[in-house]
Amino acid sequence: MNQKKSVIEPIFVVHKHNARTLHYDLRLEEAGVLKSWAIPKGPSTDPQDKRLAIQTPDHPFSYATFEGILKEGYGAGSVLLWDTGTFENLHSPQSLTSCIEKGRIAVLFHGQKMQGEYILIRTKLHHQNSWLFFKVNDEKAKIFYSITSAEPYSVISGKTTEELEKV
C-alpha cells in the first residue's frame, strides 16, 4: 500500500526592504521563527550569480505576512512582500538550524517567483554571518534574467516599492 506522508512544508518569504539601502530579506521558517538573511543585490535565477547574504537575527513568524512602512529604529523604511511560498529542506531530516551550524543549506523553493533549488553556503572570508546565496542549474534556472527587475511587484498588494512608499 502506497501511503503519502502528511507533512506541512515550512514557508519562506522574501521582503524587498528599502531601509538605509535597498536589499532583499530571505526568511525561512523553522520552529516558529523566521531564520533571516539580507541579500544586498537580491535573489537571482542565474546559477552564475553568487550573491552575498548576511545572516540577521531571527524574526517572529508574524512577520511573514508583513508589508508596509517601518517608521523608526532598526530597519526603518518600506517593506514589500516580494515573494512567498513553501520550501523543502533538501538536507532533511537534518533541521534547518543544524544546516546553519554546518554552514550549508540546500532548499527547494515553491514560490510565486522563486522556484527550484537554491544553496546558501557560509563563507570563510569574513565573519560567521557572511554567506553566498545562489541558484542551482536546474530546470527553473534562467540565465541572463533579472527576476528582481522583471518582477518588482508585491505578491499580496501588486504594488511596487515606490507605490507602497506613497501611501
C-alpha atoms as a PDB file:
ATOM      1  CA  MET A   1       0.000   0.000   0.000  1.00  0.00           C
ATOM      2  CA  ASN A   2       1.417   3.389  -1.034  1.00  0.00           C
ATOM      3  CA  GLN A   3       0.707   5.964   1.657  1.00  0.00           C
ATOM      4  CA  LYS A   4       1.528   9.630   1.271  1.00  0.00           C
ATOM      5  CA  LYS A   5       3.309  11.283   4.136  1.00  0.00           C
ATOM      6  CA  SER A   6       1.209  14.114   5.584  1.00  0.00           C
ATOM      7  CA  VAL A   7       3.740  16.894   6.075  1.00  0.00           C
ATOM      8  CA  ILE A   8       3.124  20.611   6.019  1.00  0.00           C
ATOM      9  CA  GLU A   9       6.055  22.279   4.306  1.00  0.00           C
ATOM     10  CA  PRO A  10       7.567  25.298   6.033  1.00  0.00           C
ATOM     11  CA  ILE A  11       7.119  28.699   4.443  1.00  0.00           C
ATOM     12  CA  PHE A  12       9.620  31.165   3.065  1.00  0.00           C
ATOM     13  CA  VAL A  13       9.212  34.844   2.349  1.00  0.00           C
ATOM     14  CA  VAL A  14      11.326  37.405   0.556  1.00  0.00           C
ATOM     15  CA  HIS A  15      10.856  41.016   1.599  1.00  0.00           C
ATOM     16  CA  LYS A  16      12.085  43.848  -0.610  1.00  0.00           C
ATOM     17  CA  HIS A  17      13.326  46.213   2.093  1.00  0.00           C
ATOM     18  CA  ASN A  18      14.141  49.834   1.337  1.00  0.00           C
ATOM     19  CA  ALA A  19      15.909  50.834   4.558  1.00  0.00           C
ATOM     20  CA  ARG A  20      19.274  52.667   4.606  1.00  0.00           C
ATOM     21  CA  THR A  21      19.958  50.783   1.392  1.00  0.00           C
ATOM     22  CA  LEU A  22      17.659  48.708  -0.793  1.00  0.00           C
ATOM     23  CA  HIS A  23      18.078  44.975  -0.209  1.00  0.00           C
ATOM     24  CA  TYR A  24      16.040  41.778  -0.046  1.00  0.00           C
ATOM     25  CA  ASP A  25      15.441  39.755   3.118  1.00  0.00           C
ATOM     26  CA  LEU A  26      15.188  35.983   2.717  1.00  0.00           C
ATOM     27  CA  ARG A  27      13.284  34.352   5.567  1.00  0.00           C
ATOM     28  CA  LEU A  28      12.979  30.582   6.148  1.00  0.00           C
ATOM     29  CA  GLU A  29      10.555  29.180   8.707  1.00  0.00           C
ATOM     30  CA  GLU A  30      11.723  26.835  11.417  1.00  0.00           C
ATOM     31  CA  ALA A  31      10.350  26.163  14.902  1.00  0.00           C
ATOM     32  CA  GLY A  32       8.002  29.143  14.881  1.00  0.00           C
ATOM     33  CA  VAL A  33      10.554  31.747  13.805  1.00  0.00           C
ATOM     34  CA  LEU A  34      11.915  33.060  10.519  1.00  0.00           C
ATOM     35  CA  LYS A  35      15.647  32.474  10.002  1.00  0.00           C
ATOM     36  CA  SER A  36      16.791  35.540   8.055  1.00  0.00           C
ATOM     37  CA  TRP A  37      19.433  36.761   5.615  1.00  0.00           C
ATOM     38  CA  ALA A  38      19.805  40.194   3.994  1.00  0.00           C
ATOM     39  CA  ILE A  39      20.733  39.899   0.308  1.00  0.00           C
ATOM     40  CA  PRO A  40      22.023  43.290  -0.953  1.00  0.00           C
ATOM     41  CA  LYS A  41      21.591  42.539  -4.671  1.00  0.00           C
ATOM     42  CA  GLY A  42      18.504  40.374  -4.260  1.00  0.00           C
ATOM     43  CA  PRO A  43      17.925  36.813  -5.430  1.00  0.00           C
ATOM     44  CA  SER A  44      18.909  35.654  -8.907  1.00  0.00           C
ATOM     45  CA  THR A  45      17.687  32.889 -11.188  1.00  0.00           C
ATOM     46  CA  ASP A  46      21.100  32.725 -12.889  1.00  0.00           C
ATOM     47  CA  PRO A  47      23.337  29.974 -11.409  1.00  0.00           C
ATOM     48  CA  GLN A  48      26.403  32.055 -12.324  1.00  0.00           C
ATOM     49  CA  ASP A  49      25.333  34.822  -9.904  1.00  0.00           C
ATOM     50  CA  LYS A  50      26.699  34.227  -6.417  1.00  0.00           C
ATOM     51  CA  ARG A  51      25.024  36.731  -4.101  1.00  0.00           C
ATOM     52  CA  LEU A  52      26.264  37.875  -0.711  1.00  0.00           C
ATOM     53  CA  ALA A  53      23.762  37.035   2.046  1.00  0.00           C
ATOM     54  CA  ILE A  54      24.268  38.396   5.555  1.00  0.00           C
ATOM     55  CA  GLN A  55      22.597  36.360   8.288  1.00  0.00           C
ATOM     56  CA  THR A  56      20.487  38.616  10.509  1.00  0.00           C
ATOM     57  CA  PRO A  57      18.585  37.956  13.750  1.00  0.00           C
ATOM     58  CA  ASP A  58      15.573  35.644  13.629  1.00  0.00           C
ATOM     59  CA  HIS A  59      12.233  37.363  13.078  1.00  0.00           C
ATOM     60  CA  PRO A  60       8.904  36.361  14.626  1.00  0.00           C
ATOM     61  CA  PHE A  61       6.671  34.213  12.441  1.00  0.00           C
ATOM     62  CA  SER A  62       4.070  37.000  12.357  1.00  0.00           C
ATOM     63  CA  TYR A  63       6.473  38.981  10.160  1.00  0.00           C
ATOM     64  CA  ALA A  64       5.828  36.540   7.290  1.00  0.00           C
ATOM     65  CA  THR A  65       2.773  38.484   6.119  1.00  0.00           C
ATOM     66  CA  PHE A  66       4.032  41.996   6.884  1.00  0.00           C
ATOM     67  CA  GLU A  67       4.016  44.642   4.185  1.00  0.00           C
ATOM     68  CA  GLY A  68       4.176  48.330   4.993  1.00  0.00           C
ATOM     69  CA  ILE A  69       6.346  51.091   6.382  1.00  0.00           C
ATOM     70  CA  LEU A  70       8.579  50.661   9.432  1.00  0.00           C
ATOM     71  CA  LYS A  71       8.565  54.166  10.920  1.00  0.00           C
ATOM     72  CA  GLU A  72      11.709  54.344  13.019  1.00  0.00           C
ATOM     73  CA  GLY A  73      14.510  52.348  14.577  1.00  0.00           C
ATOM     74  CA  TYR A  74      16.218  49.237  13.224  1.00  0.00           C
ATOM     75  CA  GLY A  75      15.189  48.591   9.616  1.00  0.00           C
ATOM     76  CA  ALA A  76      13.123  51.779   9.203  1.00  0.00           C
ATOM     77  CA  GLY A  77      11.776  52.072   5.656  1.00  0.00           C
ATOM     78  CA  SER A  78       9.392  50.301   3.318  1.00  0.00           C
ATOM     79  CA  VAL A  79       8.962  46.517   3.389  1.00  0.00           C
ATOM     80  CA  LEU A  80       7.316  44.932   0.341  1.00  0.00           C
ATOM     81  CA  LEU A  81       6.296  41.256   0.350  1.00  0.00           C
ATOM     82  CA  TRP A  82       8.145  40.363  -2.859  1.00  0.00           C
ATOM     83  CA  ASP A  83       7.670  36.573  -2.762  1.00  0.00           C
ATOM     84  CA  THR A  84       6.240  33.836  -0.590  1.00  0.00           C
ATOM     85  CA  GLY A  85       5.685  30.110  -0.767  1.00  0.00           C
ATOM     86  CA  THR A  86       6.848  26.872   0.787  1.00  0.00           C
ATOM     87  CA  PHE A  87      10.235  25.200   0.744  1.00  0.00           C
ATOM     88  CA  GLU A  88      11.767  21.798   1.247  1.00  0.00           C
ATOM     89  CA  ASN A  89      14.968  21.395   3.251  1.00  0.00           C
ATOM     90  CA  LEU A  90      16.956  19.098   0.958  1.00  0.00           C
ATOM     91  CA  HIS A  91      19.145  18.022   3.894  1.00  0.00           C
ATOM     92  CA  SER A  92      16.107  16.705   5.794  1.00  0.00           C
ATOM     93  CA  PRO A  93      15.837  15.065   8.284  1.00  0.00           C
ATOM     94  CA  GLN A  94      18.530  17.493   9.486  1.00  0.00           C
ATOM     95  CA  SER A  95      16.944  20.612  10.909  1.00  0.00           C
ATOM     96  CA  LEU A  96      17.493  23.978   9.309  1.00  0.00           C
ATOM     97  CA  THR A  97      19.303  25.014  12.494  1.00  0.00           C
ATOM     98  CA  SER A  98      21.681  22.063  12.088  1.00  0.00           C
ATOM     99  CA  CYS A  99      22.318  23.055   8.463  1.00  0.00           C
ATOM    100  CA  ILE A 100      23.052  26.636   9.567  1.00  0.00           C
ATOM    101  CA  GLU A 101      25.531  25.346  12.166  1.00  0.00           C
ATOM    102  CA  LYS A 102      27.249  23.260   9.460  1.00  0.00           C
ATOM    103  CA  GLY A 103      27.310  26.223   7.066  1.00  0.00           C
ATOM    104  CA  ARG A 104      25.384  24.703   4.144  1.00  0.00           C
ATOM    105  CA  ILE A 105      21.679  24.908   3.355  1.00  0.00           C
ATOM    106  CA  ALA A 106      20.028  23.437   0.249  1.00  0.00           C
ATOM    107  CA  VAL A 107      16.365  24.237  -0.323  1.00  0.00           C
ATOM    108  CA  LEU A 108      13.763  23.674  -2.996  1.00  0.00           C
ATOM    109  CA  PHE A 109      11.502  26.730  -3.278  1.00  0.00           C
ATOM    110  CA  HIS A 110       7.864  26.525  -4.333  1.00  0.00           C
ATOM    111  CA  GLY A 111       7.207  30.253  -4.532  1.00  0.00           C
ATOM    112  CA  GLN A 112       5.256  32.577  -6.734  1.00  0.00           C
ATOM    113  CA  LYS A 113       8.542  33.929  -8.155  1.00  0.00           C
ATOM    114  CA  MET A 114      11.367  31.829  -6.747  1.00  0.00           C
ATOM    115  CA  GLN A 115      11.215  28.237  -7.936  1.00  0.00           C
ATOM    116  CA  GLY A 116      13.636  25.352  -7.807  1.00  0.00           C
ATOM    117  CA  GLU A 117      16.784  24.619  -5.861  1.00  0.00           C
ATOM    118  CA  TYR A 118      18.912  27.263  -4.146  1.00  0.00           C
ATOM    119  CA  ILE A 119      22.000  26.963  -1.942  1.00  0.00           C
ATOM    120  CA  LEU A 120      23.267  29.042   0.982  1.00  0.00           C
ATOM    121  CA  ILE A 121      26.926  28.449   1.944  1.00  0.00           C
ATOM    122  CA  ARG A 122      28.720  30.213   4.792  1.00  0.00           C
ATOM    123  CA  THR A 123      31.889  31.942   3.628  1.00  0.00           C
ATOM    124  CA  LYS A 124      35.232  31.554   5.341  1.00  0.00           C
ATOM    125  CA  LEU A 125      36.494  35.003   4.371  1.00  0.00           C
ATOM    126  CA  HIS A 126      34.786  37.366   6.783  1.00  0.00           C
ATOM    127  CA  HIS A 127      32.721  36.830   9.886  1.00  0.00           C
ATOM    128  CA  GLN A 128      30.314  33.993  10.638  1.00  0.00           C
ATOM    129  CA  ASN A 129      27.312  35.906   9.270  1.00  0.00           C
ATOM    130  CA  SER A 130      28.533  36.067   5.645  1.00  0.00           C
ATOM    131  CA  TRP A 131      27.017  33.547   3.248  1.00  0.00           C
ATOM    132  CA  LEU A 132      26.749  33.052  -0.515  1.00  0.00           C
ATOM    133  CA  PHE A 133      23.276  32.524  -1.973  1.00  0.00           C
ATOM    134  CA  PHE A 134      22.825  31.104  -5.459  1.00  0.00           C
ATOM    135  CA  LYS A 135      20.518  29.229  -7.803  1.00  0.00           C
ATOM    136  CA  VAL A 136      21.306  25.646  -8.765  1.00  0.00           C
ATOM    137  CA  ASN A 137      21.399  24.976 -12.508  1.00  0.00           C
ATOM    138  CA  ASP A 138      18.064  23.152 -12.722  1.00  0.00           C
ATOM    139  CA  GLU A 139      15.010  23.413 -14.996  1.00  0.00           C
ATOM    140  CA  LYS A 140      13.898  26.605 -13.164  1.00  0.00           C
ATOM    141  CA  ALA A 141      17.197  28.439 -13.752  1.00  0.00           C
ATOM    142  CA  LYS A 142      17.125  31.454 -16.073  1.00  0.00           C
ATOM    143  CA  ILE A 143      20.474  32.712 -17.296  1.00  0.00           C
ATOM    144  CA  PHE A 144      20.849  36.443 -18.089  1.00  0.00           C
ATOM    145  CA  TYR A 145      17.488  37.201 -16.472  1.00  0.00           C
ATOM    146  CA  SER A 146      16.957  39.688 -13.648  1.00  0.00           C
ATOM    147  CA  ILE A 147      13.947  38.457 -11.710  1.00  0.00           C
ATOM    148  CA  THR A 148      14.077  41.457  -9.369  1.00  0.00           C
ATOM    149  CA  SER A 149      13.855  43.897 -12.316  1.00  0.00           C
ATOM    150  CA  ALA A 150      11.346  41.850 -14.316  1.00  0.00           C
ATOM    151  CA  GLU A 151       9.062  41.192 -11.337  1.00  0.00           C
ATOM    152  CA  PRO A 152       9.226  44.175  -8.928  1.00  0.00           C
ATOM    153  CA  TYR A 153       5.669  43.806  -7.599  1.00  0.00           C
ATOM    154  CA  SER A 154       4.357  42.642  -4.232  1.00  0.00           C
ATOM    155  CA  VAL A 155       2.739  39.219  -4.289  1.00  0.00           C
ATOM    156  CA  ILE A 156      -0.064  40.411  -1.978  1.00  0.00           C
ATOM    157  CA  SER A 157      -0.801  44.009  -2.988  1.00  0.00           C
ATOM    158  CA  GLY A 158       0.560  44.146  -6.541  1.00  0.00           C
ATOM    159  CA  LYS A 159       2.355  47.390  -5.619  1.00  0.00           C
ATOM    160  CA  THR A 160       5.925  48.431  -6.348  1.00  0.00           C
ATOM    161  CA  THR A 161       8.167  49.823  -3.610  1.00  0.00           C
ATOM    162  CA  GLU A 162       7.547  53.325  -4.961  1.00  0.00           C
ATOM    163  CA  GLU A 163       3.760  52.869  -4.795  1.00  0.00           C
ATOM    164  CA  LEU A 164       3.976  51.463  -1.267  1.00  0.00           C
ATOM    165  CA  GLU A 165       6.030  54.463  -0.120  1.00  0.00           C
ATOM    166  CA  LYS A 166       3.433  56.949  -1.477  1.00  0.00           C
ATOM    167  CA  VAL A 167       0.740  55.704   0.909  1.00  0.00           C
END
